Amino acid sequence: MLLLSMFSSSAHASAKPGHKGRQIAVKGTLASLPPIVQPGASAAAPQNTGSILATFTPASPGQKVTLERKTAKGWKPYATATEDAWGSAAFAPRRGTYRAYTTSDGRMWVTGTVTTERWAPEFEDTFSGAGLDPAVWNDQKREHESVYAPRTCARTDPAARRVQDGVLHLGVAADPQYAGQTCDYVNKGVPGQSTYMINSQVATEYTRSFRHGIVAARMKPQRAKGMHSGFWLLPQGTEYVDGQPAGGTEIDVMEFFGENGRGTETIGSHVHYYEANWSKVSLGDYFPTARRALTSGKDWWDEFHVFSVEWTPREYIFRVDGREYYRESKAVSQVPQYLVFSNLTSDYELKNLSADNFGETAQVDWVRVFDATSRASSKVTLGRKVARS
């Protein structure tokens, strides 16, 4: 059973007598999550120990956070960590009941409590074989789609992707069927020419569909421009109901468009559905705050991060390494949807693509779905708790 417990603690602490410090309001939230906090430079096996994420607002990066475990003799310190740019500190403790605290201006701020469980995914693939499991994955043969982002010069083909050393590599390559030929395309009225290409797009289209839960993948996106990698969900049968997002949406957990040269690259998360005549409605954006997940001096293509969406009957919550950066309560799908991983070259980005980038890949270390069949995949409890030092 999927259980997300969150407690908030918020209050004002007056300055000590004779002290000219300002009044402070600190909000503490403690969340018990599946193991969706796993940044790192290398591929790694997924964990089954849940994550506890303590977040304090306003953030105080570098501030010490102590996690306490409840014992028969009372609360005992279990582990310490420091706040990051989000004001968060992550822990991966054993089963038990926990709370966390930090200090500010001589006051101690204590969260509510959460109890951790051992997490068992409803679905998992760690890509440990010599190739994709054909009983799970298929290459989506949708030639030159789509309506809004046509890929005139590309088609999907399994030769563009591979599994190696426990990692799924999603790439693009020159199309051997059209070797030496040039493709003509038009983007927004401007003509262009490109090499014919093959793209990678794999899905659980015919084998696995999920409705609600936490869907997570540990990924390292590509650096190259002119292509975009993605982790997304489509409705079963790839069918939509005009004007009714409850009948199915496109849920883009993560999209990445490569290096922009300004050091501001970030990920996009969106929800799309359609009105009549394929009139597209889009929610979401590209989120600069997600860059807080990056290790200092590193870029997205340098390290793996866990991208996830918590999809409930009420909302979507998008996270990177457990840190929330986008929440959407509109256009919530209520139907089963399947998983998609891709690396695509749409016409609008071909001007940025050069042949020397064909060797680049987006990498998927593992994918997991927790509590995919639950009608209510999260339970939230709020409370107040403040202690003075």
Protein backbone atom coordinates (compact mmCIF):
# COMPACT_ATOMS: atom_id res chain seq x y z
CA MET A 1 0.00 0.00 0.00
CA LEU A 2 1.30 3.43 -0.90
CA LEU A 3 1.43 5.79 2.05
CA LEU A 4 2.62 9.38 1.90
CA SER A 5 2.43 11.02 5.32
CA MET A 6 3.19 14.71 5.72
CA PHE A 7 3.14 16.77 8.90
CA SER A 8 3.61 20.53 9.05
CA SER A 9 4.80 22.54 12.03
CA SER A 10 4.55 26.31 11.92
CA ALA A 11 4.71 29.03 14.57
CA HIS A 12 6.33 32.31 15.50
CA ALA A 13 9.18 32.39 18.01
CA SER A 14 9.86 35.70 19.72
CA ALA A 15 13.44 36.84 20.14
CA LYS A 16 15.07 36.28 23.51
CA PRO A 17 14.92 39.20 25.95
CA GLY A 18 17.51 41.76 25.08
CA HIS A 19 18.11 40.19 21.66
CA LYS A 20 17.38 42.34 18.62
CA GLY A 21 16.83 39.43 16.23
CA ARG A 22 13.72 39.35 14.07
CA GLN A 23 10.69 37.19 14.70
CA ILE A 24 10.77 33.88 12.81
CA ALA A 25 8.18 31.63 11.24
CA VAL A 26 9.48 28.17 10.34
CA LYS A 27 7.37 25.51 8.67
CA GLY A 28 8.57 21.92 8.84
CA THR A 29 7.24 19.10 6.68
CA LEU A 30 8.17 15.44 7.00
CA ALA A 31 7.27 13.13 4.13
CA SER A 32 7.50 9.36 3.98
CA LEU A 33 8.08 8.44 0.34
CA PRO A 34 9.01 5.39 -1.70
CA PRO A 35 12.72 5.07 -2.55
CA ILE A 36 12.67 7.90 -5.11
CA VAL A 37 15.72 9.78 -3.81
CA GLN A 38 18.82 8.38 -5.51
CA PRO A 39 21.09 10.91 -7.24
CA GLY A 40 24.49 9.73 -8.39
CA ALA A 41 27.03 9.67 -11.17
CA SER A 42 26.76 5.93 -11.88
CA ALA A 43 24.11 3.30 -12.43
CA ALA A 44 22.90 1.73 -9.18
CA ALA A 45 20.40 -0.89 -8.09
CA PRO A 46 17.08 0.52 -6.83
CA GLN A 47 16.50 0.56 -3.10
CA ASN A 48 13.60 -0.88 -1.14
CA THR A 49 14.08 1.22 1.98
CA GLY A 50 11.72 4.15 1.86
CA SER A 51 12.85 7.76 1.83
CA ILE A 52 12.12 10.31 4.52
CA LEU A 53 12.34 13.91 3.40
CA ALA A 54 12.39 16.71 5.96
CA THR A 55 11.78 20.16 4.49
CA PHE A 56 11.92 23.46 6.36
CA THR A 57 10.65 26.80 5.08
CA PRO A 58 12.24 29.26 4.73
CA ALA A 59 15.22 27.25 3.53
CA SER A 60 18.58 27.58 5.24
CA PRO A 61 21.06 25.66 3.07
CA GLY A 62 23.77 24.00 5.14
CA GLN A 63 21.67 24.06 8.32
CA LYS A 64 21.87 20.83 10.34
CA VAL A 65 18.77 18.61 10.43
CA THR A 66 18.48 15.77 12.94
CA LEU A 67 16.25 12.76 12.37
CA GLU A 68 15.00 11.13 15.57
CA ARG A 69 13.61 7.60 15.94
CA LYS A 70 10.97 6.68 18.50
CA THR A 71 12.14 4.01 20.94
CA ALA A 72 10.78 2.46 24.13
CA LYS A 73 12.86 5.03 26.02
CA GLY A 74 11.66 8.00 23.99
CA TRP A 75 13.03 9.89 20.99
CA LYS A 76 16.65 9.14 20.11
CA PRO A 77 18.86 10.77 17.44
CA TYR A 78 19.12 8.47 14.43
CA ALA A 79 20.91 10.43 11.70
CA THR A 80 21.87 13.95 10.69
CA ALA A 81 22.02 15.74 7.36
CA THR A 82 22.08 19.32 6.13
CA GLU A 83 19.46 21.34 4.33
CA ASP A 84 19.94 21.74 0.60
CA ALA A 85 18.75 24.60 -1.62
CA TRP A 86 15.17 23.35 -1.23
CA GLY A 87 15.44 23.46 2.57
CA SER A 88 15.28 19.65 2.45
CA ALA A 89 17.29 16.86 4.01
CA ALA A 90 16.83 13.27 2.84
CA PHE A 91 17.20 10.08 4.86
CA ALA A 92 16.80 6.36 4.10
CA PRO A 93 16.16 4.81 7.53
CA ARG A 94 14.98 1.35 8.52
CA ARG A 95 11.41 0.73 9.58
CA GLY A 96 10.21 2.82 12.47
CA THR A 97 8.56 6.04 13.55
CA TYR A 98 10.51 9.26 13.03
CA ARG A 99 10.46 13.01 13.40
CA ALA A 100 13.00 15.67 12.44
CA TYR A 101 14.10 18.99 13.86
CA THR A 102 16.30 21.95 13.09
CA THR A 103 17.14 25.13 14.98
CA SER A 104 16.83 28.82 14.16
CA ASP A 105 17.56 31.87 16.30
CA GLY A 106 17.83 29.77 19.42
CA ARG A 107 14.61 27.89 18.81
CA MET A 108 14.06 24.23 17.93
CA TRP A 109 11.54 23.43 15.21
CA VAL A 110 10.15 19.90 15.23
CA THR A 111 8.07 18.22 12.55
CA GLY A 112 5.27 15.80 13.10
CA THR A 113 5.94 12.07 12.87
CA VAL A 114 5.91 9.51 10.07
CA THR A 115 6.21 5.74 10.11
CA THR A 116 8.24 4.09 7.37
CA GLU A 117 7.42 0.88 5.57
CA ARG A 118 9.24 -1.46 3.22
CA TRP A 119 8.23 -0.59 -0.32
CA ALA A 120 7.39 -3.23 -2.93
CA PRO A 121 6.84 -1.88 -6.47
CA GLU A 122 3.86 -3.01 -8.52
CA PHE A 123 6.14 -2.94 -11.56
CA GLU A 124 9.89 -2.71 -12.00
CA ASP A 125 12.49 -3.01 -14.75
CA THR A 126 16.19 -2.61 -14.03
CA PHE A 127 17.28 -3.40 -17.63
CA SER A 128 19.61 -6.12 -16.41
CA GLY A 129 19.39 -8.35 -19.49
CA ALA A 130 21.12 -8.23 -22.86
CA GLY A 131 18.21 -6.27 -24.35
CA LEU A 132 14.70 -5.03 -23.70
CA ASP A 133 12.24 -7.65 -22.50
CA PRO A 134 9.81 -8.12 -25.44
CA ALA A 135 7.18 -9.40 -23.04
CA VAL A 136 7.12 -5.91 -21.49
CA TRP A 137 8.31 -3.36 -24.07
CA ASN A 138 7.51 -2.56 -27.68
CA ASP A 139 8.99 -0.03 -30.11
CA GLN A 140 6.20 2.37 -31.01
CA LYS A 141 5.97 2.42 -34.80
CA ARG A 142 4.39 5.81 -35.30
CA GLU A 143 6.03 7.11 -38.43
CA HIS A 144 6.68 10.84 -38.64
CA GLU A 145 4.03 11.83 -36.07
CA SER A 146 2.80 14.10 -34.44
CA VAL A 147 0.19 16.72 -35.24
CA TYR A 148 1.95 19.42 -33.20
CA ALA A 149 5.58 18.37 -33.48
CA PRO A 150 6.03 16.49 -36.75
CA ARG A 151 9.12 14.39 -37.31
CA THR A 152 9.22 14.53 -41.09
CA CYS A 153 12.75 13.17 -41.28
CA ALA A 154 12.57 10.52 -38.56
CA ARG A 155 11.02 7.18 -37.76
CA THR A 156 11.31 4.97 -34.70
CA ASP A 157 13.50 1.89 -34.92
CA PRO A 158 15.04 -0.48 -32.34
CA ALA A 159 18.48 0.11 -33.87
CA ALA A 160 18.49 3.55 -32.20
CA ARG A 161 18.45 2.11 -28.69
CA ARG A 162 20.34 -0.52 -26.74
CA VAL A 163 20.64 -2.07 -23.29
CA GLN A 164 24.16 -2.16 -21.88
CA ASP A 165 25.53 -2.71 -18.36
CA GLY A 166 22.10 -2.47 -16.77
CA VAL A 167 21.13 0.77 -18.50
CA LEU A 168 18.69 1.47 -21.34
CA HIS A 169 20.31 3.90 -23.81
CA LEU A 170 17.93 5.95 -25.95
CA GLY A 171 19.56 7.53 -28.98
CA VAL A 172 19.10 8.85 -32.51
CA ALA A 173 21.06 7.77 -35.57
CA ALA A 174 21.26 8.15 -39.32
CA ASP A 175 18.66 6.02 -41.09
CA PRO A 176 20.46 3.27 -43.04
CA GLN A 177 17.47 2.93 -45.39
CA TYR A 178 18.16 6.41 -46.75
CA ALA A 179 21.96 6.53 -46.59
CA GLY A 180 23.34 9.57 -48.42
CA GLN A 181 19.91 11.09 -49.02
CA THR A 182 18.71 14.43 -47.74
CA CYS A 183 15.31 15.06 -46.19
CA ASP A 184 13.40 18.29 -46.87
CA TYR A 185 11.13 19.66 -44.15
CA VAL A 186 9.33 22.91 -43.33
CA ASN A 187 9.03 24.34 -39.81
CA LYS A 188 6.81 27.39 -39.27
CA GLY A 189 7.05 28.21 -42.94
CA VAL A 190 10.86 27.99 -43.04
CA PRO A 191 12.29 25.19 -45.21
CA GLY A 192 15.23 23.11 -44.06
CA GLN A 193 17.22 20.00 -44.88
CA SER A 194 18.33 17.16 -42.64
CA THR A 195 19.72 13.67 -42.66
CA TYR A 196 17.06 10.96 -42.47
CA MET A 197 17.12 9.57 -38.94
CA ILE A 198 15.89 6.82 -36.69
CA ASN A 199 14.64 7.65 -33.19
CA SER A 200 13.97 5.58 -30.08
CA GLN A 201 10.54 5.30 -28.46
CA VAL A 202 9.70 2.28 -26.32
CA ALA A 203 6.52 1.65 -24.36
CA THR A 204 4.52 -0.82 -22.29
CA GLU A 205 1.69 -0.12 -24.73
CA TYR A 206 0.36 -3.68 -24.95
CA THR A 207 1.51 -5.20 -21.69
CA ARG A 208 1.36 -2.85 -18.69
CA SER A 209 -1.01 -0.02 -17.87
CA PHE A 210 -1.38 1.76 -14.55
CA ARG A 211 -3.94 3.99 -12.90
CA HIS A 212 -2.76 6.22 -10.07
CA GLY A 213 0.31 5.69 -7.90
CA ILE A 214 3.89 6.94 -7.94
CA VAL A 215 5.70 6.35 -11.23
CA ALA A 216 9.46 6.89 -11.09
CA ALA A 217 12.52 6.46 -13.29
CA ARG A 218 16.20 7.03 -12.57
CA MET A 219 17.58 8.79 -15.63
CA LYS A 220 20.50 10.73 -17.04
CA PRO A 221 19.44 12.87 -20.04
CA GLN A 222 21.52 13.56 -23.13
CA ARG A 223 23.69 16.65 -23.53
CA ALA A 224 23.12 17.14 -27.27
CA LYS A 225 20.70 19.67 -28.70
CA GLY A 226 18.47 18.90 -31.66
CA MET A 227 16.81 16.01 -29.81
CA HIS A 228 14.72 15.68 -26.68
CA SER A 229 14.47 12.81 -24.25
CA GLY A 230 11.29 12.04 -22.38
CA PHE A 231 9.59 9.89 -19.77
CA TRP A 232 5.81 9.99 -20.15
CA LEU A 233 2.49 8.18 -19.93
CA LEU A 234 -0.24 7.81 -22.56
CA PRO A 235 -3.82 6.55 -22.14
CA GLN A 236 -4.52 2.91 -22.88
CA GLY A 237 -5.13 2.54 -26.60
CA THR A 238 -3.66 6.04 -27.03
CA GLU A 239 -7.24 7.31 -27.05
CA TYR A 240 -8.56 10.62 -25.78
CA VAL A 241 -12.07 11.88 -25.05
CA ASP A 242 -12.64 15.36 -26.49
CA GLY A 243 -12.73 17.95 -23.74
CA GLN A 244 -12.64 15.34 -20.97
CA PRO A 245 -9.15 14.90 -19.49
CA ALA A 246 -10.54 12.32 -17.07
CA GLY A 247 -10.79 10.09 -20.14
CA GLY A 248 -7.03 10.22 -20.69
CA THR A 249 -4.14 12.68 -20.87
CA GLU A 250 -0.52 12.77 -21.92
CA ILE A 251 1.50 12.99 -18.70
CA ASP A 252 5.02 14.19 -19.41
CA VAL A 253 6.94 13.34 -16.26
CA MET A 254 10.21 14.68 -17.69
CA GLU A 255 11.40 16.20 -20.97
CA PHE A 256 14.89 17.53 -21.64
CA PHE A 257 16.14 19.39 -24.70
CA GLY A 258 19.90 19.37 -24.22
CA GLU A 259 22.53 21.96 -23.50
CA ASN A 260 21.59 25.58 -24.23
CA GLY A 261 25.01 27.14 -23.65
CA ARG A 262 23.77 29.42 -20.85
CA GLY A 263 23.91 27.01 -17.92
CA THR A 264 20.17 27.37 -17.31
CA GLU A 265 19.02 24.02 -18.69
CA THR A 266 16.10 22.48 -16.84
CA ILE A 267 13.44 19.86 -17.21
CA GLY A 268 9.88 20.27 -18.39
CA SER A 269 6.78 18.59 -16.98
CA HIS A 270 3.42 18.88 -18.70
CA VAL A 271 -0.09 17.49 -18.94
CA HIS A 272 -1.82 17.59 -22.33
CA TYR A 273 -5.33 16.74 -23.47
CA TYR A 274 -7.51 17.63 -26.46
CA GLU A 275 -10.69 19.46 -27.25
CA ALA A 276 -12.64 18.70 -30.42
CA ASN A 277 -10.72 18.70 -33.73
CA TRP A 278 -7.44 17.97 -31.94
CA SER A 279 -7.37 21.38 -30.26
CA LYS A 280 -4.59 20.86 -27.74
CA VAL A 281 -4.77 22.04 -24.12
CA SER A 282 -1.43 22.12 -22.28
CA LEU A 283 -0.63 22.60 -18.62
CA GLY A 284 2.81 22.76 -17.01
CA ASP A 285 6.09 24.43 -17.89
CA TYR A 286 9.88 24.20 -17.68
CA PHE A 287 10.94 24.55 -14.06
CA PRO A 288 14.15 26.43 -13.12
CA THR A 289 13.70 25.39 -9.48
CA ALA A 290 14.35 21.78 -10.47
CA ARG A 291 18.01 22.74 -10.99
CA ARG A 292 18.37 22.71 -7.21
CA ALA A 293 18.66 18.93 -7.55
CA LEU A 294 22.00 19.25 -9.35
CA THR A 295 25.24 18.64 -7.51
CA SER A 296 27.39 21.77 -7.38
CA GLY A 297 29.42 22.07 -10.58
CA LYS A 298 27.41 19.33 -12.34
CA ASP A 299 24.87 19.40 -15.16
CA TRP A 300 21.88 17.17 -15.89
CA TRP A 301 23.89 15.02 -18.31
CA ASP A 302 26.58 14.37 -15.66
CA GLU A 303 24.49 12.39 -13.19
CA PHE A 304 21.40 10.28 -12.65
CA HIS A 305 18.33 11.62 -10.87
CA VAL A 306 14.98 10.05 -10.03
CA PHE A 307 12.12 11.77 -11.87
CA SER A 308 8.66 10.89 -10.60
CA VAL A 309 5.00 11.80 -10.65
CA GLU A 310 2.56 10.99 -7.90
CA TRP A 311 -0.73 10.59 -9.76
CA THR A 312 -3.83 10.45 -7.58
CA PRO A 313 -7.53 10.83 -8.41
CA ARG A 314 -7.16 14.49 -7.40
CA GLU A 315 -3.82 15.75 -8.69
CA TYR A 316 -0.35 15.18 -10.08
CA ILE A 317 2.75 15.90 -7.98
CA PHE A 318 6.02 16.08 -9.93
CA ARG A 319 9.30 15.53 -8.09
CA VAL A 320 13.00 15.12 -8.74
CA ASP A 321 14.82 13.07 -6.08
CA GLY A 322 11.76 13.47 -3.87
CA ARG A 323 11.71 17.29 -4.07
CA GLU A 324 8.42 18.65 -5.35
CA TYR A 325 8.60 21.33 -8.05
CA TYR A 326 5.15 21.20 -9.68
CA ARG A 327 1.65 20.27 -8.54
CA GLU A 328 -1.34 20.20 -10.88
CA SER A 329 -4.98 19.56 -9.91
CA LYS A 330 -6.50 20.19 -13.33
CA ALA A 331 -6.93 17.64 -16.10
CA VAL A 332 -6.45 14.56 -13.92
CA SER A 333 -6.75 11.31 -15.84
CA GLN A 334 -8.86 8.58 -14.29
CA VAL A 335 -8.07 5.81 -16.79
CA PRO A 336 -5.21 3.30 -17.13
CA GLN A 337 -2.12 4.66 -18.89
CA TYR A 338 1.10 3.06 -20.13
CA LEU A 339 4.78 4.05 -19.85
CA VAL A 340 6.87 5.59 -22.62
CA PHE A 341 10.60 6.40 -22.86
CA SER A 342 11.87 8.25 -25.91
CA ASN A 343 14.57 10.31 -27.58
CA LEU A 344 13.11 12.14 -30.56
CA THR A 345 14.05 14.65 -33.26
CA SER A 346 11.12 16.89 -34.10
CA ASP A 347 11.25 19.25 -37.07
CA TYR A 348 11.42 22.36 -34.87
CA GLU A 349 14.78 21.31 -33.37
CA LEU A 350 16.56 19.88 -36.42
CA LYS A 351 18.47 23.12 -37.06
CA ASN A 352 20.34 22.44 -33.80
CA LEU A 353 21.25 18.85 -34.63
CA SER A 354 24.62 17.87 -36.06
CA ALA A 355 25.80 14.41 -37.10
CA ASP A 356 28.54 14.34 -34.45
CA ASN A 357 25.78 14.22 -31.80
CA PHE A 358 24.31 10.95 -33.10
CA GLY A 359 26.33 8.95 -30.57
CA GLU A 360 24.72 10.66 -27.57
CA THR A 361 22.04 8.88 -25.57
CA ALA A 362 19.64 9.49 -22.75
CA GLN A 363 20.06 6.77 -20.12
CA VAL A 364 17.45 4.99 -18.03
CA ASP A 365 18.83 3.09 -15.05
CA TRP A 366 15.52 1.73 -13.76
CA VAL A 367 11.78 2.37 -13.74
CA ARG A 368 9.31 1.50 -10.97
CA VAL A 369 5.61 1.97 -10.26
CA PHE A 370 4.32 1.94 -6.69
CA ASP A 371 0.69 1.16 -5.78
CA ALA A 372 -0.52 1.51 -9.34
CA THR A 373 -4.02 0.16 -8.70
CA SER A 374 -5.01 2.20 -5.65
CA ARG A 375 -7.83 4.68 -5.93
CA ALA A 376 -6.18 6.85 -3.28
CA SER A 377 -2.46 6.49 -3.53
CA SER A 378 -1.57 8.99 -0.83
CA LYS A 379 -2.75 9.85 2.63
CA VAL A 380 -1.89 13.26 4.02
CA THR A 381 -2.02 14.33 7.65
CA LEU A 382 -1.23 17.84 8.82
CA GLY A 383 -0.41 18.98 12.34
CA ARG A 384 1.46 21.57 14.39
CA LYS A 385 4.34 20.93 16.70
CA VAL A 386 6.92 23.41 18.00
CA ALA A 387 9.44 23.01 20.79
CA ARG A 388 11.75 25.64 22.25
CA SER A 389 15.35 24.81 23.02
